[in-house]
Amino acid sequence: GGRYGGGGGPTLADIFGDQVAPFVGHWGCDMRTPFRGTILRLPLRTLTTARASEISSAVHDANDARGVLQLFRAVSSKALLFLRNVRRLDVSVDDTRLYSVHACGRGGGDHAYRLGGGGG
């Protein structure tokens, strides 16, 4: 993807304001200055919005999103094995942290992982 906002040029907020608006104000993100992390947004669609969507007609509700997050939690410690530059995964809904996975002991051959619970 492109890089924005680093050299005084337009920022993501300038170019894609309506798309990034849901992230502004969460986790210290303002979409105008560099953010150390990656934010993923799971799309939710009611039957009505799915029918009107030009992207997908699939219906996804909050229960579907919770299911995806539960599946991800089950494999998240293994995911860090393949993400060399990722040290921590934090999974939150809005501003409520559901869980965190931390890679410990990077640099050697052994990897240990710590899975933390919710708390915000």
N, C-alpha and C. Protein backbone atom coordinates (compact mmCIF):
# COMPACT_ATOMS: atom_id res chain seq x y z
N GLY A 1 0.82 -1.18 0.00
CA GLY A 1 0.00 0.00 0.00
C GLY A 1 0.86 1.24 0.00
N GLY A 2 0.21 2.35 -0.16
CA GLY A 2 0.91 3.62 -0.19
C GLY A 2 1.24 4.11 1.20
N ARG A 3 2.18 5.03 1.25
CA ARG A 3 2.53 5.68 2.51
C ARG A 3 2.10 7.13 2.40
N TYR A 4 1.48 7.60 3.46
CA TYR A 4 0.94 8.94 3.44
C TYR A 4 1.39 9.70 4.68
N GLY A 5 1.50 11.00 4.56
CA GLY A 5 1.68 11.87 5.71
C GLY A 5 3.09 11.97 6.26
N GLY A 6 4.06 11.26 5.70
CA GLY A 6 5.39 11.30 6.27
C GLY A 6 6.21 12.50 5.86
N GLY A 7 5.97 13.04 4.67
CA GLY A 7 6.81 14.11 4.18
C GLY A 7 6.09 15.42 3.97
N GLY A 8 5.06 15.67 4.74
CA GLY A 8 4.35 16.93 4.60
C GLY A 8 3.29 16.91 3.52
N GLY A 9 3.14 15.78 2.84
CA GLY A 9 2.11 15.65 1.82
C GLY A 9 0.76 15.34 2.44
N PRO A 10 -0.19 14.96 1.60
CA PRO A 10 -1.52 14.65 2.12
C PRO A 10 -1.50 13.43 3.04
N THR A 11 -2.35 13.44 4.04
CA THR A 11 -2.45 12.33 4.98
C THR A 11 -3.62 11.43 4.58
N LEU A 12 -3.70 10.27 5.21
CA LEU A 12 -4.85 9.40 4.98
C LEU A 12 -6.15 10.11 5.31
N ALA A 13 -6.14 10.91 6.37
CA ALA A 13 -7.34 11.65 6.74
C ALA A 13 -7.74 12.65 5.66
N ASP A 14 -6.75 13.24 4.98
CA ASP A 14 -7.03 14.19 3.90
C ASP A 14 -7.63 13.48 2.68
N ILE A 15 -7.09 12.33 2.35
CA ILE A 15 -7.48 11.65 1.12
C ILE A 15 -8.69 10.74 1.31
N PHE A 16 -8.71 10.01 2.42
CA PHE A 16 -9.76 9.01 2.66
C PHE A 16 -10.52 9.30 3.95
N GLY A 17 -10.88 10.54 4.18
CA GLY A 17 -11.47 10.96 5.44
C GLY A 17 -12.65 10.12 5.90
N ASP A 18 -13.59 9.84 4.99
CA ASP A 18 -14.76 9.06 5.39
C ASP A 18 -14.41 7.61 5.71
N GLN A 19 -13.38 7.08 5.06
CA GLN A 19 -12.97 5.69 5.29
C GLN A 19 -12.23 5.51 6.61
N VAL A 20 -11.44 6.49 7.01
CA VAL A 20 -10.63 6.35 8.22
C VAL A 20 -11.27 6.97 9.45
N ALA A 21 -12.37 7.68 9.28
CA ALA A 21 -13.03 8.36 10.40
C ALA A 21 -13.33 7.42 11.58
N PRO A 22 -13.74 6.17 11.36
CA PRO A 22 -14.03 5.30 12.51
C PRO A 22 -12.81 5.01 13.39
N PHE A 23 -11.60 5.18 12.88
CA PHE A 23 -10.39 4.86 13.65
C PHE A 23 -9.86 6.05 14.45
N VAL A 24 -10.21 7.24 14.04
CA VAL A 24 -9.67 8.45 14.67
C VAL A 24 -10.14 8.52 16.12
N GLY A 25 -9.17 8.74 17.00
CA GLY A 25 -9.47 8.85 18.42
C GLY A 25 -9.36 7.55 19.19
N HIS A 26 -9.13 6.45 18.49
CA HIS A 26 -8.95 5.16 19.15
C HIS A 26 -7.47 4.79 19.15
N TRP A 27 -6.97 4.30 20.27
CA TRP A 27 -5.62 3.78 20.41
C TRP A 27 -4.55 4.81 20.07
N GLY A 28 -4.86 6.08 20.21
CA GLY A 28 -3.89 7.13 19.91
C GLY A 28 -3.74 7.41 18.43
N CYS A 29 -4.67 6.97 17.64
CA CYS A 29 -4.60 7.12 16.18
C CYS A 29 -5.35 8.38 15.75
N ASP A 30 -4.69 9.21 14.93
CA ASP A 30 -5.38 10.38 14.40
C ASP A 30 -5.38 10.41 12.86
N MET A 31 -4.74 9.46 12.24
CA MET A 31 -4.64 9.34 10.78
C MET A 31 -3.96 10.53 10.13
N ARG A 32 -3.28 11.34 10.93
CA ARG A 32 -2.51 12.46 10.39
C ARG A 32 -1.04 12.34 10.74
N THR A 33 -0.73 11.57 11.77
CA THR A 33 0.65 11.34 12.18
C THR A 33 0.91 9.84 12.15
N PRO A 34 2.18 9.43 12.05
CA PRO A 34 2.48 8.00 11.98
C PRO A 34 1.92 7.24 13.18
N PHE A 35 1.41 6.06 12.92
CA PHE A 35 0.83 5.18 13.93
C PHE A 35 1.63 3.89 13.95
N ARG A 36 2.13 3.50 15.12
CA ARG A 36 2.92 2.28 15.24
C ARG A 36 1.99 1.10 15.45
N GLY A 37 1.51 0.57 14.36
CA GLY A 37 0.61 -0.58 14.44
C GLY A 37 -0.22 -0.70 13.19
N THR A 38 -1.06 -1.68 13.19
CA THR A 38 -1.99 -1.93 12.10
C THR A 38 -3.37 -2.10 12.69
N ILE A 39 -4.33 -1.42 12.13
CA ILE A 39 -5.70 -1.52 12.60
C ILE A 39 -6.50 -2.24 11.53
N LEU A 40 -7.22 -3.26 11.94
CA LEU A 40 -8.10 -3.98 11.03
C LEU A 40 -9.54 -3.70 11.43
N ARG A 41 -10.38 -3.56 10.45
CA ARG A 41 -11.80 -3.33 10.70
C ARG A 41 -12.57 -4.47 10.05
N LEU A 42 -13.36 -5.17 10.86
CA LEU A 42 -14.19 -6.24 10.32
C LEU A 42 -15.52 -5.63 9.86
N PRO A 43 -15.87 -5.81 8.59
CA PRO A 43 -17.09 -5.20 8.08
C PRO A 43 -18.34 -5.93 8.58
N LEU A 44 -19.30 -5.18 9.07
CA LEU A 44 -20.58 -5.75 9.48
C LEU A 44 -21.63 -5.28 8.49
N ARG A 45 -22.48 -6.22 8.06
CA ARG A 45 -23.54 -5.86 7.11
C ARG A 45 -24.84 -6.53 7.52
N THR A 46 -25.88 -5.72 7.63
CA THR A 46 -27.21 -6.28 7.84
C THR A 46 -27.71 -6.79 6.49
N LEU A 47 -28.82 -7.47 6.49
CA LEU A 47 -29.39 -7.95 5.24
C LEU A 47 -29.67 -6.78 4.30
N THR A 48 -30.17 -5.70 4.84
CA THR A 48 -30.48 -4.53 4.02
C THR A 48 -29.22 -3.92 3.41
N THR A 49 -28.17 -3.72 4.23
CA THR A 49 -26.95 -3.13 3.69
C THR A 49 -26.23 -4.09 2.76
N ALA A 50 -26.32 -5.39 3.01
CA ALA A 50 -25.69 -6.37 2.13
C ALA A 50 -26.34 -6.36 0.75
N ARG A 51 -27.64 -6.23 0.71
CA ARG A 51 -28.35 -6.18 -0.58
C ARG A 51 -27.96 -4.94 -1.38
N ALA A 52 -27.71 -3.85 -0.68
CA ALA A 52 -27.38 -2.58 -1.35
C ALA A 52 -25.89 -2.45 -1.66
N SER A 53 -25.05 -3.32 -1.09
CA SER A 53 -23.61 -3.19 -1.22
C SER A 53 -23.13 -3.54 -2.62
N GLU A 54 -22.18 -2.75 -3.11
CA GLU A 54 -21.52 -3.07 -4.38
C GLU A 54 -20.30 -3.93 -4.15
N ILE A 55 -19.90 -4.12 -2.89
CA ILE A 55 -18.71 -4.89 -2.56
C ILE A 55 -19.04 -6.35 -2.32
N SER A 56 -20.07 -6.61 -1.51
CA SER A 56 -20.42 -7.98 -1.16
C SER A 56 -21.87 -8.05 -0.73
N SER A 57 -22.52 -9.14 -1.09
CA SER A 57 -23.91 -9.34 -0.65
C SER A 57 -23.97 -10.24 0.58
N ALA A 58 -22.81 -10.58 1.13
CA ALA A 58 -22.78 -11.45 2.32
C ALA A 58 -23.20 -10.66 3.55
N VAL A 59 -24.01 -11.30 4.39
CA VAL A 59 -24.44 -10.70 5.65
C VAL A 59 -23.45 -11.09 6.73
N HIS A 60 -22.96 -10.12 7.49
CA HIS A 60 -22.05 -10.38 8.61
C HIS A 60 -22.54 -9.57 9.80
N ASP A 61 -22.86 -10.26 10.89
CA ASP A 61 -23.33 -9.55 12.08
C ASP A 61 -22.29 -9.64 13.20
N ALA A 62 -22.63 -9.07 14.35
CA ALA A 62 -21.69 -9.04 15.48
C ALA A 62 -21.30 -10.45 15.92
N ASN A 63 -22.21 -11.41 15.83
CA ASN A 63 -21.87 -12.79 16.20
C ASN A 63 -20.82 -13.37 15.26
N ASP A 64 -20.91 -13.05 13.97
CA ASP A 64 -19.89 -13.49 13.02
C ASP A 64 -18.52 -12.91 13.39
N ALA A 65 -18.50 -11.63 13.72
CA ALA A 65 -17.24 -10.98 14.09
C ALA A 65 -16.66 -11.61 15.35
N ARG A 66 -17.51 -11.88 16.35
CA ARG A 66 -17.03 -12.54 17.57
C ARG A 66 -16.44 -13.91 17.24
N GLY A 67 -17.08 -14.64 16.33
CA GLY A 67 -16.57 -15.95 15.93
C GLY A 67 -15.20 -15.85 15.29
N VAL A 68 -15.01 -14.86 14.42
CA VAL A 68 -13.71 -14.65 13.79
C VAL A 68 -12.65 -14.34 14.84
N LEU A 69 -12.99 -13.48 15.80
CA LEU A 69 -12.03 -13.13 16.85
C LEU A 69 -11.70 -14.32 17.74
N GLN A 70 -12.67 -15.20 18.00
CA GLN A 70 -12.39 -16.41 18.78
C GLN A 70 -11.47 -17.36 18.01
N LEU A 71 -11.72 -17.52 16.72
CA LEU A 71 -10.84 -18.35 15.90
C LEU A 71 -9.43 -17.78 15.86
N PHE A 72 -9.32 -16.47 15.72
CA PHE A 72 -8.01 -15.84 15.68
C PHE A 72 -7.29 -16.01 17.01
N ARG A 73 -8.02 -15.91 18.11
CA ARG A 73 -7.38 -16.09 19.42
C ARG A 73 -6.78 -17.48 19.53
N ALA A 74 -7.45 -18.47 18.98
CA ALA A 74 -6.96 -19.85 19.06
C ALA A 74 -5.64 -20.04 18.33
N VAL A 75 -5.38 -19.25 17.30
CA VAL A 75 -4.16 -19.42 16.50
C VAL A 75 -3.19 -18.25 16.64
N SER A 76 -3.52 -17.26 17.44
CA SER A 76 -2.73 -16.02 17.47
C SER A 76 -1.29 -16.23 17.92
N SER A 77 -1.07 -17.12 18.88
CA SER A 77 0.32 -17.31 19.32
C SER A 77 1.14 -17.95 18.20
N LYS A 78 0.54 -18.84 17.43
CA LYS A 78 1.25 -19.44 16.29
C LYS A 78 1.46 -18.42 15.18
N ALA A 79 0.53 -17.49 15.04
CA ALA A 79 0.67 -16.47 14.00
C ALA A 79 1.93 -15.64 14.20
N LEU A 80 2.31 -15.41 15.45
CA LEU A 80 3.52 -14.63 15.72
C LEU A 80 4.78 -15.32 15.23
N LEU A 81 4.74 -16.63 15.07
CA LEU A 81 5.90 -17.34 14.53
C LEU A 81 6.24 -16.87 13.12
N PHE A 82 5.22 -16.45 12.37
CA PHE A 82 5.40 -16.10 10.97
C PHE A 82 5.42 -14.59 10.75
N LEU A 83 5.32 -13.83 11.80
CA LEU A 83 5.31 -12.37 11.71
C LEU A 83 6.56 -11.84 12.40
N ARG A 84 7.65 -11.81 11.68
CA ARG A 84 8.96 -11.47 12.26
C ARG A 84 9.01 -10.13 12.97
N ASN A 85 8.36 -9.14 12.42
CA ASN A 85 8.46 -7.80 12.97
C ASN A 85 7.31 -7.44 13.91
N VAL A 86 6.46 -8.40 14.18
CA VAL A 86 5.34 -8.17 15.10
C VAL A 86 5.71 -8.75 16.45
N ARG A 87 5.67 -7.93 17.46
CA ARG A 87 6.02 -8.36 18.82
C ARG A 87 4.79 -8.60 19.68
N ARG A 88 3.69 -7.95 19.33
CA ARG A 88 2.50 -8.05 20.16
C ARG A 88 1.26 -7.92 19.28
N LEU A 89 0.25 -8.71 19.61
CA LEU A 89 -1.06 -8.58 18.98
C LEU A 89 -2.04 -8.17 20.07
N ASP A 90 -2.71 -7.07 19.87
CA ASP A 90 -3.78 -6.63 20.78
C ASP A 90 -5.08 -6.71 20.00
N VAL A 91 -6.06 -7.37 20.56
CA VAL A 91 -7.36 -7.46 19.92
C VAL A 91 -8.36 -6.71 20.79
N SER A 92 -8.98 -5.70 20.19
CA SER A 92 -9.92 -4.85 20.92
C SER A 92 -11.19 -4.68 20.11
N VAL A 93 -12.27 -4.44 20.81
CA VAL A 93 -13.52 -4.02 20.19
C VAL A 93 -13.78 -2.62 20.73
N ASP A 94 -13.85 -1.67 19.82
CA ASP A 94 -13.87 -0.26 20.19
C ASP A 94 -12.63 0.00 21.06
N ASP A 95 -12.79 0.45 22.27
CA ASP A 95 -11.62 0.70 23.11
C ASP A 95 -11.46 -0.33 24.22
N THR A 96 -12.16 -1.45 24.12
CA THR A 96 -12.06 -2.50 25.13
C THR A 96 -11.16 -3.62 24.62
N ARG A 97 -10.02 -3.81 25.29
CA ARG A 97 -9.10 -4.87 24.88
C ARG A 97 -9.68 -6.22 25.27
N LEU A 98 -9.77 -7.12 24.30
CA LEU A 98 -10.24 -8.47 24.56
C LEU A 98 -9.10 -9.37 24.99
N TYR A 99 -7.98 -9.27 24.29
CA TYR A 99 -6.80 -10.05 24.67
C TYR A 99 -5.57 -9.52 23.96
N SER A 100 -4.42 -9.90 24.48
CA SER A 100 -3.12 -9.55 23.90
C SER A 100 -2.28 -10.81 23.84
N VAL A 101 -1.47 -10.91 22.82
CA VAL A 101 -0.50 -11.99 22.70
C VAL A 101 0.85 -11.33 22.52
N HIS A 102 1.82 -11.69 23.36
CA HIS A 102 3.16 -11.10 23.32
C HIS A 102 4.17 -12.17 22.95
N ALA A 103 5.08 -11.85 22.05
CA ALA A 103 6.19 -12.74 21.74
C ALA A 103 7.30 -12.43 22.72
N CYS A 104 7.79 -13.44 23.39
CA CYS A 104 8.87 -13.28 24.37
C CYS A 104 10.12 -13.98 23.84
N GLY A 105 11.27 -13.47 24.16
CA GLY A 105 12.52 -14.15 23.82
C GLY A 105 12.85 -14.16 22.35
N ARG A 106 12.45 -13.12 21.62
CA ARG A 106 12.80 -13.07 20.21
C ARG A 106 14.30 -12.94 20.06
N GLY A 107 14.83 -13.55 19.04
CA GLY A 107 16.25 -13.44 18.77
C GLY A 107 16.93 -14.79 18.88
N GLY A 108 16.45 -15.66 19.72
CA GLY A 108 17.01 -17.00 19.82
C GLY A 108 16.15 -17.98 19.06
N GLY A 109 16.40 -19.24 19.24
CA GLY A 109 15.62 -20.25 18.55
C GLY A 109 14.33 -20.59 19.25
N ASP A 110 14.23 -20.26 20.52
CA ASP A 110 13.04 -20.61 21.28
C ASP A 110 12.09 -19.42 21.33
N HIS A 111 10.83 -19.73 21.20
CA HIS A 111 9.81 -18.69 21.26
C HIS A 111 8.82 -19.05 22.36
N ALA A 112 8.50 -18.09 23.16
CA ALA A 112 7.48 -18.27 24.19
C ALA A 112 6.42 -17.20 23.96
N TYR A 113 5.20 -17.52 24.29
CA TYR A 113 4.10 -16.59 24.07
C TYR A 113 3.31 -16.44 25.35
N ARG A 114 2.81 -15.26 25.54
CA ARG A 114 1.99 -14.99 26.71
C ARG A 114 0.67 -14.42 26.21
N LEU A 115 -0.41 -15.04 26.63
CA LEU A 115 -1.74 -14.60 26.23
C LEU A 115 -2.39 -13.93 27.42
N GLY A 116 -2.73 -12.67 27.28
CA GLY A 116 -3.35 -11.93 28.37
C GLY A 116 -4.84 -11.79 28.14
N GLY A 117 -5.57 -11.57 29.20
CA GLY A 117 -7.01 -11.41 29.12
C GLY A 117 -7.39 -9.98 28.83
N GLY A 118 -8.68 -9.73 28.95
CA GLY A 118 -9.23 -8.41 28.68
C GLY A 118 -8.80 -7.40 29.71
N GLY A 119 -9.26 -6.24 29.51
CA GLY A 119 -8.91 -5.12 30.38
C GLY A 119 -8.52 -3.97 29.50
N GLY A 120 -8.83 -2.82 29.86
CA GLY A 120 -8.63 -1.82 28.86
C GLY A 120 -7.75 -0.74 29.09
